[in-house]
C-alpha atoms as a PDB file:
ATOM      1  CA  MET A   1      -0.055   0.076   0.173  1.00  0.00           C
ATOM      2  CA  ARG A   2       2.912   2.287   0.414  1.00  0.00           C
ATOM      3  CA  MET A   3       4.360   1.807  -2.941  1.00  0.00           C
ATOM      4  CA  PRO A   4       1.578   3.693  -4.926  1.00  0.00           C
ATOM      5  CA  ARG A   5       1.711   6.655  -2.494  1.00  0.00           C
ATOM      6  CA  LEU A   6       5.379   6.468  -2.923  1.00  0.00           C
ATOM      7  CA  THR A   7       5.198   6.233  -7.043  1.00  0.00           C
ATOM      8  CA  ALA A   8       2.809   9.313  -6.593  1.00  0.00           C
ATOM      9  CA  CYS A   9       4.804  11.023  -5.076  1.00  0.00           C
ATOM     10  CA  ALA A  10       7.983  10.333  -6.861  1.00  0.00           C
ATOM     11  CA  SER A  11       5.983  11.220 -10.164  1.00  0.00           C
ATOM     12  CA  ILE A  12       4.834  14.321  -9.086  1.00  0.00           C
ATOM     13  CA  LEU A  13       8.324  15.598  -8.173  1.00  0.00           C
ATOM     14  CA  SER A  14       9.425  14.927 -11.371  1.00  0.00           C
ATOM     15  CA  LEU A  15       6.619  16.831 -12.959  1.00  0.00           C
ATOM     16  CA  ALA A  16       7.502  19.695 -10.880  1.00  0.00           C
ATOM     17  CA  GLY A  17      11.063  19.916 -12.255  1.00  0.00           C
ATOM     18  CA  CYS A  18       9.499  20.275 -15.505  1.00  0.00           C
ATOM     19  CA  VAL A  19       8.630  24.097 -15.563  1.00  0.00           C
ATOM     20  CA  ALA A  20      10.273  26.572 -17.666  1.00  0.00           C
ATOM     21  CA  PRO A  21      13.369  27.885 -16.245  1.00  0.00           C
ATOM     22  CA  SER A  22      13.281  31.685 -15.727  1.00  0.00           C
ATOM     23  CA  THR A  23      15.466  33.958 -18.049  1.00  0.00           C
ATOM     24  CA  GLY A  24      15.177  37.137 -15.911  1.00  0.00           C
ATOM     25  CA  LEU A  25      13.975  38.624 -19.317  1.00  0.00           C
ATOM     26  CA  PRO A  26      10.657  40.609 -19.399  1.00  0.00           C
ATOM     27  CA  PRO A  27       7.847  39.136 -21.245  1.00  0.00           C
ATOM     28  CA  PRO A  28       7.662  39.898 -25.062  1.00  0.00           C
ATOM     29  CA  THR A  29       5.946  42.956 -25.904  1.00  0.00           C
ATOM     30  CA  PRO A  30       2.906  42.613 -28.409  1.00  0.00           C
ATOM     31  CA  PRO A  31       3.322  43.951 -32.129  1.00  0.00           C
ATOM     32  CA  ILE A  32       2.757  47.670 -32.344  1.00  0.00           C
ATOM     33  CA  ASP A  33      -0.100  48.770 -34.219  1.00  0.00           C
ATOM     34  CA  PRO A  34       0.858  48.558 -37.823  1.00  0.00           C
ATOM     35  CA  ASP A  35      -1.442  52.111 -38.679  1.00  0.00           C
ATOM     36  CA  LEU A  36       1.091  53.663 -35.665  1.00  0.00           C
ATOM     37  CA  ALA A  37       4.004  53.602 -38.611  1.00  0.00           C
ATOM     38  CA  GLY A  38       5.098  56.565 -39.640  1.00  0.00           C
ATOM     39  CA  ILE A  39       7.384  58.477 -41.785  1.00  0.00           C
ATOM     40  CA  SER A  40      10.030  61.223 -40.879  1.00  0.00           C
ATOM     41  CA  LEU A  41       8.438  65.013 -40.540  1.00  0.00           C
ATOM     42  CA  THR A  42      10.554  67.936 -40.179  1.00  0.00           C
ATOM     43  CA  LEU A  43       9.402  70.228 -37.351  1.00  0.00           C
ATOM     44  CA  SER A  44       9.641  73.728 -37.392  1.00  0.00           C
ATOM     45  CA  SER A  45      10.931  75.513 -34.812  1.00  0.00           C
ATOM     46  CA  ALA A  46       7.823  76.334 -33.561  1.00  0.00           C
ATOM     47  CA  GLU A  47       6.448  72.630 -33.329  1.00  0.00           C
ATOM     48  CA  ILE A  48       9.578  71.880 -31.411  1.00  0.00           C
ATOM     49  CA  GLN A  49       8.958  74.641 -29.214  1.00  0.00           C
ATOM     50  CA  VAL A  50       5.394  73.153 -28.847  1.00  0.00           C
ATOM     51  CA  VAL A  51       7.184  69.681 -27.804  1.00  0.00           C
ATOM     52  CA  GLU A  52       9.353  71.395 -24.943  1.00  0.00           C
ATOM     53  CA  GLU A  53       6.609  73.217 -23.316  1.00  0.00           C
ATOM     54  CA  GLY A  54       4.609  69.969 -23.375  1.00  0.00           C
ATOM     55  CA  VAL A  55       7.170  68.090 -22.140  1.00  0.00           C
ATOM     56  CA  ARG A  56       8.176  70.859 -19.624  1.00  0.00           C
ATOM     57  CA  ARG A  57       4.631  70.589 -18.176  1.00  0.00           C
ATOM     58  CA  SER A  58       5.114  67.051 -16.984  1.00  0.00           C
ATOM     59  CA  MET A  59       8.629  67.556 -14.867  1.00  0.00           C
ATOM     60  CA  LYS A  60       9.483  68.375 -11.497  1.00  0.00           C
ATOM     61  CA  ASP A  61      11.641  71.359 -12.037  1.00  0.00           C
ATOM     62  CA  PRO A  62      10.192  72.811 -15.635  1.00  0.00           C
ATOM     63  CA  MET A  63      12.923  75.315 -16.387  1.00  0.00           C
ATOM     64  CA  SER A  64      16.135  73.110 -15.752  1.00  0.00           C
ATOM     65  CA  ALA A  65      14.764  71.003 -18.912  1.00  0.00           C
ATOM     66  CA  MET A  66      17.468  70.765 -21.686  1.00  0.00           C
ATOM     67  CA  PHE A  67      16.812  68.884 -24.905  1.00  0.00           C
ATOM     68  CA  ASP A  68      18.094  67.355 -27.389  1.00  0.00           C
ATOM     69  CA  GLY A  69      17.201  65.170 -30.662  1.00  0.00           C
ATOM     70  CA  ILE A  70      13.860  66.046 -31.325  1.00  0.00           C
ATOM     71  CA  ARG A  71      12.547  64.350 -34.352  1.00  0.00           C
ATOM     72  CA  GLY A  72       8.943  64.528 -35.786  1.00  0.00           C
ATOM     73  CA  ALA A  73       6.976  61.439 -37.606  1.00  0.00           C
ATOM     74  CA  ILE A  74       3.454  61.391 -39.703  1.00  0.00           C
ATOM     75  CA  ASN A  75       1.599  58.685 -39.999  1.00  0.00           C
ATOM     76  CA  ASP A  76      -1.238  57.861 -42.673  1.00  0.00           C
ATOM     77  CA  ARG A  77      -3.911  58.987 -40.417  1.00  0.00           C
ATOM     78  CA  ASP A  78      -2.646  62.370 -40.459  1.00  0.00           C
ATOM     79  CA  SER A  79      -1.580  62.143 -36.693  1.00  0.00           C
ATOM     80  CA  ALA A  80       1.711  64.051 -35.954  1.00  0.00           C
ATOM     81  CA  SER A  81       4.112  62.647 -33.354  1.00  0.00           C
ATOM     82  CA  ALA A  82       7.666  63.404 -31.805  1.00  0.00           C
ATOM     83  CA  CYS A  83      10.526  61.773 -29.732  1.00  0.00           C
ATOM     84  CA  GLY A  84      12.957  63.299 -28.159  1.00  0.00           C
ATOM     85  CA  LEU A  85      15.448  63.225 -25.267  1.00  0.00           C
ATOM     86  CA  VAL A  86      14.873  65.366 -22.192  1.00  0.00           C
ATOM     87  CA  ASN A  87      17.491  66.115 -19.213  1.00  0.00           C
ATOM     88  CA  GLY A  88      16.250  67.765 -16.169  1.00  0.00           C
ATOM     89  CA  ARG A  89      16.586  68.127 -12.194  1.00  0.00           C
ATOM     90  CA  ASN A  90      14.602  65.570 -10.193  1.00  0.00           C
ATOM     91  CA  SER A  91      13.844  65.987  -6.135  1.00  0.00           C
ATOM     92  CA  PHE A  92      17.450  66.143  -4.750  1.00  0.00           C
ATOM     93  CA  GLY A  93      18.347  68.519  -7.864  1.00  0.00           C
ATOM     94  CA  GLY A  94      20.597  66.760  -9.704  1.00  0.00           C
ATOM     95  CA  TYR A  95      20.337  66.172 -13.463  1.00  0.00           C
ATOM     96  CA  THR A  96      18.574  62.787 -14.515  1.00  0.00           C
ATOM     97  CA  GLY A  97      20.848  62.179 -17.810  1.00  0.00           C
ATOM     98  CA  ASP A  98      18.678  62.028 -21.284  1.00  0.00           C
ATOM     99  CA  LYS A  99      15.613  60.427 -20.928  1.00  0.00           C
ATOM    100  CA  ILE A 100      13.678  59.405 -23.964  1.00  0.00           C
ATOM    101  CA  PHE A 101      10.375  60.600 -24.675  1.00  0.00           C
ATOM    102  CA  VAL A 102       7.127  60.196 -27.072  1.00  0.00           C
ATOM    103  CA  GLY A 103       3.973  61.882 -27.706  1.00  0.00           C
ATOM    104  CA  VAL A 104       1.467  63.270 -30.052  1.00  0.00           C
ATOM    105  CA  PHE A 105       0.619  66.892 -31.082  1.00  0.00           C
ATOM    106  CA  ASN A 106      -3.106  68.315 -31.638  1.00  0.00           C
ATOM    107  CA  GLN A 107      -4.453  68.408 -35.052  1.00  0.00           C
ATOM    108  CA  GLN A 108      -2.741  71.800 -35.646  1.00  0.00           C
ATOM    109  CA  ARG A 109       0.136  71.067 -33.777  1.00  0.00           C
ATOM    110  CA  THR A 110       0.113  73.726 -31.359  1.00  0.00           C
ATOM    111  CA  VAL A 111      -0.381  71.585 -28.337  1.00  0.00           C
ATOM    112  CA  PHE A 112       1.753  68.378 -27.540  1.00  0.00           C
ATOM    113  CA  ALA A 113       0.707  66.006 -25.085  1.00  0.00           C
ATOM    114  CA  PRO A 114       3.764  63.258 -23.953  1.00  0.00           C
ATOM    115  CA  SER A 115       2.746  60.055 -23.674  1.00  0.00           C
ATOM    116  CA  ALA A 116       5.748  58.446 -21.977  1.00  0.00           C
ATOM    117  CA  ILE A 117       9.050  59.667 -20.457  1.00  0.00           C
ATOM    118  CA  ALA A 118      11.444  56.778 -19.786  1.00  0.00           C
ATOM    119  CA  VAL A 119      12.021  56.165 -15.968  1.00  0.00           C
ATOM    120  CA  THR A 120      13.642  52.479 -16.291  1.00  0.00           C
ATOM    121  CA  PRO A 121      15.802  50.808 -18.934  1.00  0.00           C
ATOM    122  CA  ASN A 122      13.155  49.051 -19.755  1.00  0.00           C
ATOM    123  CA  ASP A 123      10.766  51.939 -20.198  1.00  0.00           C
ATOM    124  CA  ALA A 124      13.367  53.340 -22.268  1.00  0.00           C
ATOM    125  CA  VAL A 125      13.852  50.493 -24.920  1.00  0.00           C
ATOM    126  CA  ALA A 126       9.996  50.186 -25.007  1.00  0.00           C
ATOM    127  CA  ILE A 127      10.063  53.885 -26.352  1.00  0.00           C
ATOM    128  CA  TYR A 128      12.744  53.541 -28.386  1.00  0.00           C
ATOM    129  CA  THR A 129      11.445  50.388 -30.339  1.00  0.00           C
ATOM    130  CA  LEU A 130       8.033  52.954 -30.790  1.00  0.00           C
ATOM    131  CA  CYS A 131      10.148  55.797 -31.789  1.00  0.00           C
ATOM    132  CA  ARG A 132      11.892  53.764 -34.722  1.00  0.00           C
ATOM    133  CA  HIS A 133       8.378  52.314 -35.729  1.00  0.00           C
ATOM    134  CA  ILE A 134       6.648  55.386 -36.114  1.00  0.00           C
ATOM    135  CA  GLY A 135       9.879  56.897 -37.966  1.00  0.00           C
ATOM    136  CA  ALA A 136      10.900  59.520 -35.054  1.00  0.00           C
ATOM    137  CA  VAL A 137      14.572  58.224 -33.644  1.00  0.00           C
ATOM    138  CA  PRO A 138      16.003  60.568 -31.446  1.00  0.00           C
END
C-alpha cells in the first residue's frame, strides 16, 4: 500500500522539475499597431518649442529641462508625433541624464502631449522601439 503513494509522490516531484526556467527577461511585447507606422516629419522651430513646452509641463523642475534630438513623424491618418531626449533636475536637485520621450500633437500642432518619458531601462527600450517604428528616432 505504501508503494502507490511513493510512486505518486515521485511522479509529482519529477513533474515539478518540468517548469521552464526563468530567464529574468521581461515577457515579449505585443506587436505595434501598423497604423502607428509613420514617416519622418521635419519640425519647424515653433513645433519644437511646442514639444518642449509640453514635456516641461510634466516635469518636477520645468525650467531645468534641456532637450536634444527632437524628431517628428506623421502617420497615414495625418497624426503627428515626436520623440526626443530630455534631461532635467530631480527632487534632489541633480540632473537625471537624458531620458527618451514620445508624445503626440493635436491636429493643429499647437499642443504636444507627452505619452511617456522613460524612467527605467525597460521604459527606454520600449519607447525607443516605438519611436523607431513611427519614424522619429532621436
